[in-house]
Protein backbone atom coordinates (compact mmCIF):
# COMPACT_ATOMS: atom_id res chain seq x y z
CA MET A 1 8.54 -111.37 -51.34
CA THR A 2 5.68 -111.68 -53.97
CA ALA A 3 3.27 -109.52 -52.00
CA SER A 4 5.71 -106.63 -51.69
CA PHE A 5 6.52 -106.98 -55.46
CA ALA A 6 2.77 -106.73 -56.38
CA ILE A 7 1.81 -104.00 -54.03
CA GLY A 8 4.99 -101.88 -55.09
CA TRP A 9 3.81 -101.94 -58.64
CA ARG A 10 0.26 -101.16 -57.59
CA GLN A 11 1.93 -97.92 -56.21
CA VAL A 12 3.33 -97.26 -59.55
CA ALA A 13 -0.14 -97.64 -61.20
CA LEU A 14 -1.76 -95.31 -58.62
CA SER A 15 0.99 -92.73 -59.00
CA PHE A 16 0.42 -92.91 -62.91
CA ILE A 17 -3.17 -91.95 -62.49
CA LEU A 18 -2.50 -89.11 -60.03
CA LEU A 19 0.26 -87.58 -62.20
CA ALA A 20 -2.03 -87.86 -65.22
CA ALA A 21 -4.54 -85.70 -63.52
CA VAL A 22 -2.04 -83.04 -62.21
CA ALA A 23 -0.29 -82.79 -65.58
CA MET A 24 -3.58 -81.84 -67.25
CA ILE A 25 -3.56 -78.46 -65.35
CA ALA A 26 -0.77 -77.22 -67.55
CA THR A 27 -1.40 -79.19 -70.93
CA SER A 28 -5.07 -78.39 -71.04
CA TYR A 29 -4.95 -74.79 -70.19
CA SER A 30 -4.36 -73.51 -73.81
CA ILE A 31 -7.74 -75.18 -74.28
CA LEU A 32 -9.52 -73.61 -71.33
CA ALA A 33 -7.82 -70.41 -72.11
CA VAL A 34 -10.08 -69.94 -75.33
CA PRO A 35 -13.40 -69.49 -73.27
CA LEU A 36 -11.68 -67.64 -70.61
CA ALA A 37 -10.36 -65.05 -73.07
CA GLU A 38 -13.78 -64.72 -74.73
CA GLU A 39 -15.44 -64.35 -71.43
CA PHE A 40 -13.11 -61.81 -69.50
CA GLN A 41 -11.17 -60.28 -72.45
CA PRO A 42 -7.63 -60.14 -70.89
CA SER A 43 -4.58 -59.42 -72.86
CA ARG A 44 -2.59 -62.59 -73.99
CA MET A 45 0.04 -61.99 -71.35
CA VAL A 46 -2.55 -61.69 -68.58
CA LEU A 47 -4.42 -64.65 -69.71
CA MET A 48 -1.21 -66.60 -69.12
CA LEU A 49 -0.85 -65.30 -65.62
CA SER A 50 -2.86 -68.21 -64.43
CA MET A 51 0.09 -70.47 -65.20
CA THR A 52 2.39 -67.96 -63.33
CA VAL A 53 0.13 -67.91 -60.13
CA LEU A 54 0.02 -71.74 -60.28
CA ALA A 55 3.82 -71.98 -60.48
CA GLY A 56 4.53 -69.22 -57.81
CA VAL A 57 2.11 -70.61 -55.20
CA SER A 58 3.43 -74.20 -55.99
CA GLY A 59 7.08 -73.04 -55.56
CA LEU A 60 6.19 -71.42 -52.32
CA LEU A 61 4.36 -74.48 -51.07
CA SER A 62 6.77 -77.30 -52.29
CA PRO A 63 9.33 -77.06 -49.53
CA PHE A 64 6.86 -77.06 -46.82
CA LEU A 65 4.65 -79.90 -48.45
CA GLY A 66 7.71 -81.82 -49.38
CA SER A 67 8.81 -81.82 -45.65
CA LEU A 68 5.40 -83.08 -44.61
CA MET A 69 5.58 -85.79 -47.04
CA ASP A 70 8.72 -87.15 -45.42
CA ARG A 71 7.16 -86.99 -41.98
CA PHE A 72 3.35 -87.73 -42.34
CA SER A 73 0.95 -89.97 -44.22
CA LEU A 74 1.46 -89.44 -47.80
CA ARG A 75 -1.91 -91.13 -48.56
CA ASN A 76 -3.80 -88.51 -46.56
CA LEU A 77 -2.00 -85.61 -48.24
CA MET A 78 -2.68 -87.06 -51.73
CA MET A 79 -6.46 -87.43 -50.90
CA LEU A 80 -6.58 -83.87 -49.83
CA GLY A 81 -4.84 -82.95 -53.14
CA THR A 82 -7.61 -84.73 -55.21
CA VAL A 83 -10.36 -82.92 -53.29
CA MET A 84 -8.69 -79.43 -53.73
CA LEU A 85 -8.01 -80.24 -57.55
CA ALA A 86 -11.69 -81.08 -58.19
CA ALA A 87 -12.97 -78.15 -56.02
CA GLY A 88 -10.69 -75.70 -57.98
CA TYR A 89 -12.22 -76.65 -61.36
CA ALA A 90 -15.73 -76.39 -60.07
CA ALA A 91 -14.86 -73.00 -58.42
CA LEU A 92 -13.65 -71.83 -61.98
CA SER A 93 -17.05 -72.45 -63.25
CA LEU A 94 -18.32 -69.80 -60.82
CA ALA A 95 -15.75 -67.16 -61.35
CA PRO A 96 -17.06 -63.52 -61.98
CA THR A 97 -13.87 -61.96 -62.95
CA PHE A 98 -10.49 -63.21 -64.35
CA THR A 99 -8.92 -61.90 -60.96
CA VAL A 100 -11.10 -64.56 -59.18
CA VAL A 101 -9.66 -67.27 -61.71
CA LEU A 102 -6.27 -66.25 -60.54
CA VAL A 103 -7.10 -66.51 -56.83
CA ILE A 104 -8.69 -70.06 -57.60
CA PHE A 105 -5.48 -71.24 -59.29
CA GLY A 106 -3.66 -70.04 -56.21
CA VAL A 107 -5.70 -71.33 -53.46
CA PHE A 108 -7.09 -74.59 -54.79
CA ILE A 109 -5.27 -75.85 -57.78
CA ALA A 110 -1.53 -74.98 -56.90
CA PRO A 111 -1.68 -77.05 -53.62
CA ALA A 112 -3.17 -79.82 -55.56
CA ASN A 113 -0.28 -79.57 -58.08
CA VAL A 114 2.17 -80.20 -55.37
CA LEU A 115 0.40 -82.80 -53.38
CA LEU A 116 -0.28 -85.05 -56.47
CA GLY A 117 2.78 -84.09 -58.61
CA PRO A 118 6.36 -85.49 -59.09
CA VAL A 119 7.43 -84.67 -55.65
CA ALA A 120 4.87 -86.95 -54.03
CA ALA A 121 5.33 -89.68 -56.47
CA THR A 122 9.05 -89.59 -55.95
CA VAL A 123 8.74 -89.71 -52.26
CA LEU A 124 6.28 -92.81 -52.72
CA LEU A 125 8.25 -94.66 -55.17
CA SER A 126 11.59 -94.16 -53.79
CA ARG A 127 10.32 -95.95 -50.67
CA TRP A 128 9.10 -98.98 -52.55
CA PHE A 129 11.96 -99.38 -55.07
CA VAL A 130 15.70 -99.39 -55.04
CA LYS A 131 16.98 -101.86 -57.74
CA ARG A 132 14.00 -100.92 -60.06
CA ARG A 133 13.66 -97.32 -59.13
CA GLY A 134 14.45 -96.07 -62.60
CA ARG A 135 11.86 -98.37 -64.21
CA ALA A 136 9.15 -97.51 -61.48
CA ILE A 137 9.76 -93.77 -61.78
CA GLY A 138 9.81 -93.87 -65.56
CA ILE A 139 6.43 -95.73 -65.95
CA ALA A 140 4.73 -93.66 -63.19
CA VAL A 141 5.89 -90.39 -64.78
CA ALA A 142 4.45 -91.55 -68.13
CA GLY A 143 1.12 -90.62 -66.47
CA VAL A 144 2.20 -87.00 -67.05
CA ALA A 145 2.10 -87.57 -70.73
CA MET A 146 -0.85 -89.63 -70.76
CA GLY A 147 -2.81 -86.80 -68.86
CA GLY A 148 -1.83 -84.61 -71.86
CA VAL A 149 -3.23 -87.23 -74.41
CA ILE A 150 -6.49 -87.76 -72.64
CA PHE A 151 -7.59 -84.57 -70.92
CA PRO A 152 -7.23 -81.92 -73.71
CA PRO A 153 -9.56 -83.64 -76.06
CA LEU A 154 -12.01 -84.57 -73.26
CA ILE A 155 -12.10 -80.81 -72.23
CA GLN A 156 -12.47 -79.72 -75.77
CA TRP A 157 -15.46 -82.26 -76.12
CA LEU A 158 -16.97 -81.01 -72.98
CA LEU A 159 -16.68 -77.25 -74.13
CA ASP A 160 -18.10 -78.25 -77.51
CA SER A 161 -20.78 -80.04 -75.80
CA TYR A 162 -21.92 -77.63 -72.93
CA GLU A 163 -21.56 -73.93 -72.12
CA TRP A 164 -18.11 -73.49 -70.60
CA ARG A 165 -19.11 -73.06 -67.01
CA ALA A 166 -21.35 -76.32 -67.08
CA ALA A 167 -18.53 -78.18 -68.72
CA LEU A 168 -15.99 -77.34 -66.03
CA ARG A 169 -18.62 -78.67 -63.42
CA VAL A 170 -19.02 -81.88 -65.35
CA PHE A 171 -15.19 -82.12 -65.47
CA ALA A 172 -14.65 -81.54 -61.77
CA ILE A 173 -17.02 -84.49 -61.15
CA ILE A 174 -15.12 -86.71 -63.51
CA LEU A 175 -11.63 -85.53 -61.80
CA LEU A 176 -12.90 -86.49 -58.34
CA ALA A 177 -14.25 -89.90 -59.43
CA VAL A 178 -10.87 -90.70 -60.89
CA THR A 179 -8.45 -89.53 -58.45
CA LEU A 180 -10.06 -90.04 -54.93
CA PRO A 181 -10.22 -93.74 -55.19
CA ALA A 182 -6.70 -93.87 -56.53
CA ALA A 183 -5.25 -91.70 -53.67
CA ALA A 184 -7.20 -93.83 -51.12
CA LEU A 185 -5.53 -96.96 -52.24
CA VAL A 186 -1.83 -95.46 -51.79
CA ILE A 187 0.35 -97.29 -49.11
CA ASN A 188 2.85 -94.82 -47.52
CA SER A 189 5.68 -97.32 -47.53
CA PRO A 190 6.60 -101.10 -47.35
CA GLU A 191 7.25 -100.95 -43.68
CA ASP A 192 3.50 -100.20 -43.22
CA ARG A 193 2.83 -103.74 -44.36
CA GLY A 194 6.07 -105.14 -42.76
CA LEU A 195 7.55 -105.55 -46.32
CA ASN A 196 10.69 -104.36 -48.01
CA PRO A 197 11.47 -102.55 -51.23
CA ASP A 198 11.58 -104.38 -54.49
CA GLY A 199 9.88 -107.35 -52.91
CA ALA A 200 13.12 -108.34 -51.25
CA GLU A 201 13.49 -110.59 -48.11
CA ALA A 202 15.64 -108.25 -46.43
CA ASN A 203 15.97 -104.41 -46.58
CA PRO A 204 18.52 -103.46 -49.27
CA GLU A 205 21.83 -102.13 -47.88
CA GLU A 206 21.33 -99.03 -49.97
CA VAL A 207 18.15 -97.96 -48.00
CA GLN A 208 19.85 -99.06 -44.74
CA SER A 209 22.84 -97.04 -45.18
CA ARG A 210 20.76 -93.99 -46.41
CA GLY A 211 18.48 -94.33 -43.64
CA GLN A 212 21.09 -93.25 -41.22
CA ALA A 213 21.21 -89.81 -42.98
CA GLN A 214 17.64 -88.80 -42.40
CA ASN A 215 18.51 -85.52 -40.64
CA VAL A 216 19.95 -83.71 -43.68
CA SER A 217 19.30 -79.87 -42.88
CA VAL A 218 18.13 -77.38 -45.35
CA GLY A 219 21.41 -75.65 -45.11
CA THR A 220 23.34 -78.71 -46.16
CA ILE A 221 21.13 -79.18 -49.21
CA LEU A 222 21.33 -75.49 -50.28
CA SER A 223 25.17 -75.56 -49.84
CA ASP A 224 25.41 -78.50 -52.29
CA PRO A 225 26.62 -77.45 -55.70
CA ALA A 226 24.79 -80.48 -57.25
CA PHE A 227 21.50 -78.94 -55.82
CA TRP A 228 21.94 -75.86 -57.87
CA MET A 229 23.21 -77.40 -61.02
CA VAL A 230 20.50 -79.94 -61.36
CA GLY A 231 17.83 -77.42 -60.26
CA ILE A 232 18.76 -74.73 -62.61
CA LEU A 233 19.48 -77.16 -65.71
CA PHE A 234 16.25 -79.00 -65.27
CA ALA A 235 14.13 -75.58 -64.58
CA LEU A 236 15.41 -74.39 -67.93
CA VAL A 237 13.85 -77.23 -69.94
CA LEU A 238 10.83 -77.76 -67.85
CA SER A 239 9.92 -74.04 -67.84
CA GLY A 240 10.67 -73.88 -71.63
CA MET A 241 8.21 -76.77 -72.11
CA LYS A 242 5.48 -75.24 -70.05
CA GLY A 243 5.78 -71.92 -71.83
CA MET A 244 5.50 -73.83 -75.12
CA VAL A 245 2.57 -75.96 -74.27
CA THR A 246 0.50 -73.29 -72.66
CA ASN A 247 0.83 -71.07 -75.65
CA LEU A 248 0.61 -73.84 -78.23
CA ALA A 249 -2.97 -73.48 -79.34
CA PRO A 250 -2.66 -69.73 -79.71
CA LEU A 251 0.53 -70.19 -81.74
CA ALA A 252 -0.98 -72.82 -84.04
CA ILE A 253 -4.27 -70.62 -84.46
CA ASP A 254 -2.22 -67.66 -85.27
CA GLU A 255 -0.75 -69.64 -88.23
CA GLY A 256 -4.18 -70.44 -89.61
CA ILE A 257 -4.60 -73.71 -87.96
CA GLU A 258 -8.12 -74.74 -86.83
CA ALA A 259 -8.80 -75.08 -83.07
CA GLY A 260 -9.35 -78.84 -83.34
CA GLU A 261 -6.07 -79.40 -85.19
CA ALA A 262 -4.40 -77.12 -82.55
CA ALA A 263 -5.87 -79.34 -79.77
CA LEU A 264 -4.37 -82.47 -81.58
CA LEU A 265 -1.05 -80.96 -81.44
CA ILE A 266 -1.05 -80.83 -77.76
CA SER A 267 -2.09 -84.47 -77.83
CA ILE A 268 0.82 -85.17 -80.11
CA TYR A 269 3.14 -83.53 -77.68
CA ALA A 270 1.80 -85.51 -74.72
CA GLY A 271 1.83 -88.64 -76.76
CA CYS A 272 5.69 -88.24 -77.59
CA GLY A 273 6.20 -87.47 -73.93
CA PHE A 274 4.47 -90.73 -72.89
CA ILE A 275 6.69 -92.58 -75.38
CA ALA A 276 9.78 -90.97 -73.88
CA LYS A 277 9.00 -91.90 -70.32
CA LEU A 278 8.29 -95.45 -71.36
CA ALA A 279 11.67 -95.68 -73.10
CA PHE A 280 13.07 -93.93 -69.88
CA ALA A 281 11.56 -96.92 -67.81
CA ALA A 282 13.19 -99.32 -70.06
CA VAL A 283 16.69 -98.05 -69.98
CA ALA A 284 17.09 -95.84 -67.05
CA ASP A 285 18.44 -98.66 -64.72
CA TRP A 286 21.14 -99.54 -67.38
CA PHE A 287 22.39 -96.21 -68.84
CA SER A 288 24.32 -93.43 -67.06
CA PRO A 289 21.81 -90.42 -66.17
CA ARG A 290 24.50 -88.14 -67.69
CA THR A 291 24.10 -89.73 -71.18
CA LEU A 292 20.23 -89.55 -70.76
CA THR A 293 20.32 -85.90 -69.59
CA LEU A 294 22.72 -84.76 -72.43
CA LEU A 295 20.33 -86.53 -74.98
CA GLY A 296 17.32 -84.86 -73.57
CA PHE A 297 18.88 -81.41 -73.78
CA ALA A 298 20.04 -81.90 -77.27
CA GLY A 299 16.68 -82.94 -78.52
CA PHE A 300 14.83 -80.33 -76.65
CA ALA A 301 17.03 -77.62 -78.25
CA CYS A 302 16.35 -79.00 -81.69
CA GLY A 303 12.67 -78.94 -80.98
CA MET A 304 12.71 -75.34 -79.94
CA ALA A 305 14.62 -74.50 -83.03
CA CYS A 306 11.84 -76.14 -85.23
CA LEU A 307 9.30 -73.92 -83.47
CA THR A 308 11.10 -70.79 -84.90
CA GLN A 309 9.93 -71.93 -88.31
CA ALA A 310 6.25 -72.05 -87.35
CA GLY A 311 5.29 -70.05 -90.35
CA ALA A 312 6.23 -72.99 -92.62
CA GLY A 313 3.19 -74.62 -91.52
CA TYR A 314 1.38 -77.47 -89.40
CA TRP A 315 4.23 -80.05 -90.00
CA ALA A 316 7.02 -77.61 -88.90
CA ILE A 317 5.24 -77.04 -85.70
CA ALA A 318 4.39 -80.71 -85.25
CA LEU A 319 8.17 -81.75 -85.66
CA GLY A 320 9.12 -79.27 -82.97
CA VAL A 321 6.29 -80.48 -80.69
CA CYS A 322 7.40 -84.22 -81.21
CA LEU A 323 10.98 -83.31 -80.47
CA ILE A 324 10.29 -81.50 -77.40
CA GLY A 325 7.73 -84.10 -76.09
CA LEU A 326 10.34 -86.87 -76.81
CA PHE A 327 13.49 -85.44 -75.43
CA GLY A 328 12.26 -82.77 -73.00
CA GLY A 329 9.91 -85.59 -71.77
CA LEU A 330 12.88 -87.29 -70.21
CA MET A 331 13.49 -84.53 -67.85
CA VAL A 332 10.73 -85.36 -65.27
CA PRO A 333 11.78 -88.88 -64.63
CA LEU A 334 15.38 -88.02 -64.65
CA LYS A 335 14.91 -85.38 -62.02
CA SER A 336 13.07 -87.92 -59.97
CA LEU A 337 15.84 -90.54 -60.34
CA LEU A 338 18.63 -88.12 -59.63
CA VAL A 339 17.37 -86.58 -56.31
CA PRO A 340 17.40 -89.76 -54.43
CA ARG A 341 20.89 -90.57 -55.73
CA ILE A 342 22.22 -87.06 -54.70
CA PHE A 343 20.64 -86.84 -51.37
CA GLY A 344 19.41 -90.17 -50.15
CA GLN A 345 15.93 -91.59 -49.91
CA LYS A 346 15.06 -90.27 -46.32
CA VAL A 347 15.08 -86.52 -47.41
CA VAL A 348 13.60 -86.98 -50.95
CA GLY A 349 10.68 -84.82 -50.15
CA ARG A 350 12.62 -82.24 -48.71
CA ALA A 351 15.14 -82.08 -51.45
CA MET A 352 12.58 -82.27 -54.17
CA GLY A 353 10.41 -79.77 -52.74
CA MET A 354 13.40 -77.12 -52.39
CA MET A 355 14.47 -78.03 -55.93
CA SER A 356 10.94 -77.47 -57.26
CA VAL A 357 11.22 -73.91 -56.13
CA ILE A 358 13.88 -73.33 -58.70
CA SER A 359 11.77 -74.87 -61.52
CA LEU A 360 8.51 -73.30 -60.37
CA CYS A 361 10.09 -69.82 -60.13
CA ALA A 362 11.20 -70.13 -63.67
CA MET A 363 7.76 -71.25 -64.59
CA LEU A 364 6.50 -68.16 -63.08
CA ALA A 365 7.94 -66.45 -66.04
CA THR A 366 7.67 -68.55 -69.01
CA PRO A 367 3.87 -68.69 -69.91
CA PRO A 368 3.49 -64.90 -69.91
CA LEU A 369 7.11 -64.47 -71.29
CA PHE A 370 5.94 -66.37 -74.34
CA GLY A 371 2.88 -64.20 -74.40
CA LEU A 372 4.72 -61.03 -74.12
CA ALA A 373 7.31 -62.11 -76.78
CA PHE A 374 4.22 -62.56 -79.04
CA ASP A 375 2.75 -59.18 -78.04
CA LEU A 376 6.10 -57.49 -78.87
CA THR A 377 7.22 -59.32 -81.90
CA GLY A 378 4.09 -60.74 -83.47
CA SER A 379 5.41 -64.33 -83.21
CA TYR A 380 6.91 -66.88 -80.92
CA ALA A 381 10.24 -67.31 -83.01
CA THR A 382 12.53 -65.16 -80.85
CA ILE A 383 11.48 -66.86 -77.46
CA SER A 384 11.78 -70.31 -79.00
CA LEU A 385 15.31 -69.65 -80.40
CA THR A 386 16.30 -68.12 -76.93
CA PHE A 387 15.36 -71.45 -75.26
CA ALA A 388 17.16 -73.57 -77.87
CA VAL A 389 20.50 -71.67 -77.34
CA LEU A 390 20.23 -71.87 -73.56
CA ALA A 391 19.49 -75.66 -73.80
CA ALA A 392 22.54 -76.18 -76.01
CA ALA A 393 24.67 -74.12 -73.53
CA GLY A 394 23.43 -76.10 -70.58
CA MET A 395 24.82 -79.22 -72.02
CA LEU A 396 28.28 -78.04 -71.11
CA LEU A 397 27.44 -78.25 -67.28
CA VAL A 398 25.98 -81.80 -67.40
CA PRO A 399 29.37 -83.62 -67.01
CA TYR A 400 30.05 -81.77 -63.76
CA ILE A 401 26.84 -82.94 -61.88
CA ARG A 402 27.61 -85.39 -59.06
CA MET A 403 25.60 -88.59 -59.09
CA HIS A 404 25.94 -89.90 -55.66
CA PRO A 405 25.40 -88.63 -52.00
CA ARG A 406 27.89 -85.86 -50.88
CA GLY A 407 30.80 -87.29 -49.19
CA GLY A 408 29.78 -90.92 -50.15
CA ALA A 409 30.74 -93.38 -52.79
CA PRO A 410 28.94 -93.70 -56.29
CA VAL A 411 25.73 -95.85 -56.04
CA SER A 412 26.26 -99.40 -57.12
CA PRO A 413 25.05 -100.37 -60.41
CA ARG A 414 23.21 -103.45 -59.12
CA LEU A 415 21.22 -101.18 -56.85
CA ASP A 416 20.42 -98.12 -58.95
CA GLY A 417 21.53 -98.49 -62.35
CA LYS A 418 24.97 -97.68 -63.78
CA PRO A 419 27.15 -95.27 -61.93
CA ALA A 420 27.82 -91.74 -63.63
């Protein structure tokens, strides 16, 4: 019991590290975009196509790689992801044109984004935890925010200290040194060590009952209304957050804010997200996911509304960034908590992978859409207001999301938090 408990929380720590590394891709891109823009001179919209390529290729790969995570060694897949991530940043340092930059994001960085991201962490932790699943996922996903706190200033320091190509080579070495040992220590499931989830002496009855439903088909998942409701609603917030953060430094600089202070805004955003995820870890096993989802949508809408007033200065932007980080930051762990509840633990990889397609397809559009909105209007106010209104409207659908497996009874609160 003690061994399983300790090893399970070790998987949380390893997931935290790997999620921090993969979250860096989006949160630090607005820093990297500055030297890329100076080197290759693309338009603002074309500059943001790197994030579109990342989202599009990740979306195409998510169902396939998610299914592999349910069937093969998750540890080996994560190790492959760490190598591809480091190789991608090293390859960026050699790019002769911006077209090659886009190819690198598609061939190296996008697969790593899936292999190390929330899909993989959800698969791993749903195997190791049942009663404490919300807490475990919340702590691990806090790594997403921590990556945004640590990596943007680190990349900015490297860019200030070295020519940008040399800086990326150094950064690639740092990435590999941090992520490869973490992936190598992953243990695929408690069964590999003859243990049970949560450090229990017997396999919890929830896992036993859900284990009988391991052959859920793609068609069954796609025909489930809960799949589409959760997928579309969460895609709205997650894509809006990505569009905002990848354009945050240019938005701030356009308002007369220095580059160093703009980088600090990204760290503020990530720090608020970190606080949100730790708060989620504290309350997720006790409060209804509906309540948390409604709270997240309301706060995100207020944050995007604040960004429409960016012309008022630094503190108006900072307030919006804080609200988006705090309340939008609840969405990633919430999604990871809901998918096992809705579909069962044995098909988490497949369901998460398919649902990620919806989010990632939305993310195809938002970074360049924010850039296009600026190109057409000269500001980000219109696109920020649009996402605020959509988020407020999305709150109306939250009460209709089913919070238990199709055809089954609601999950017992003693196993997975309070029922919906």
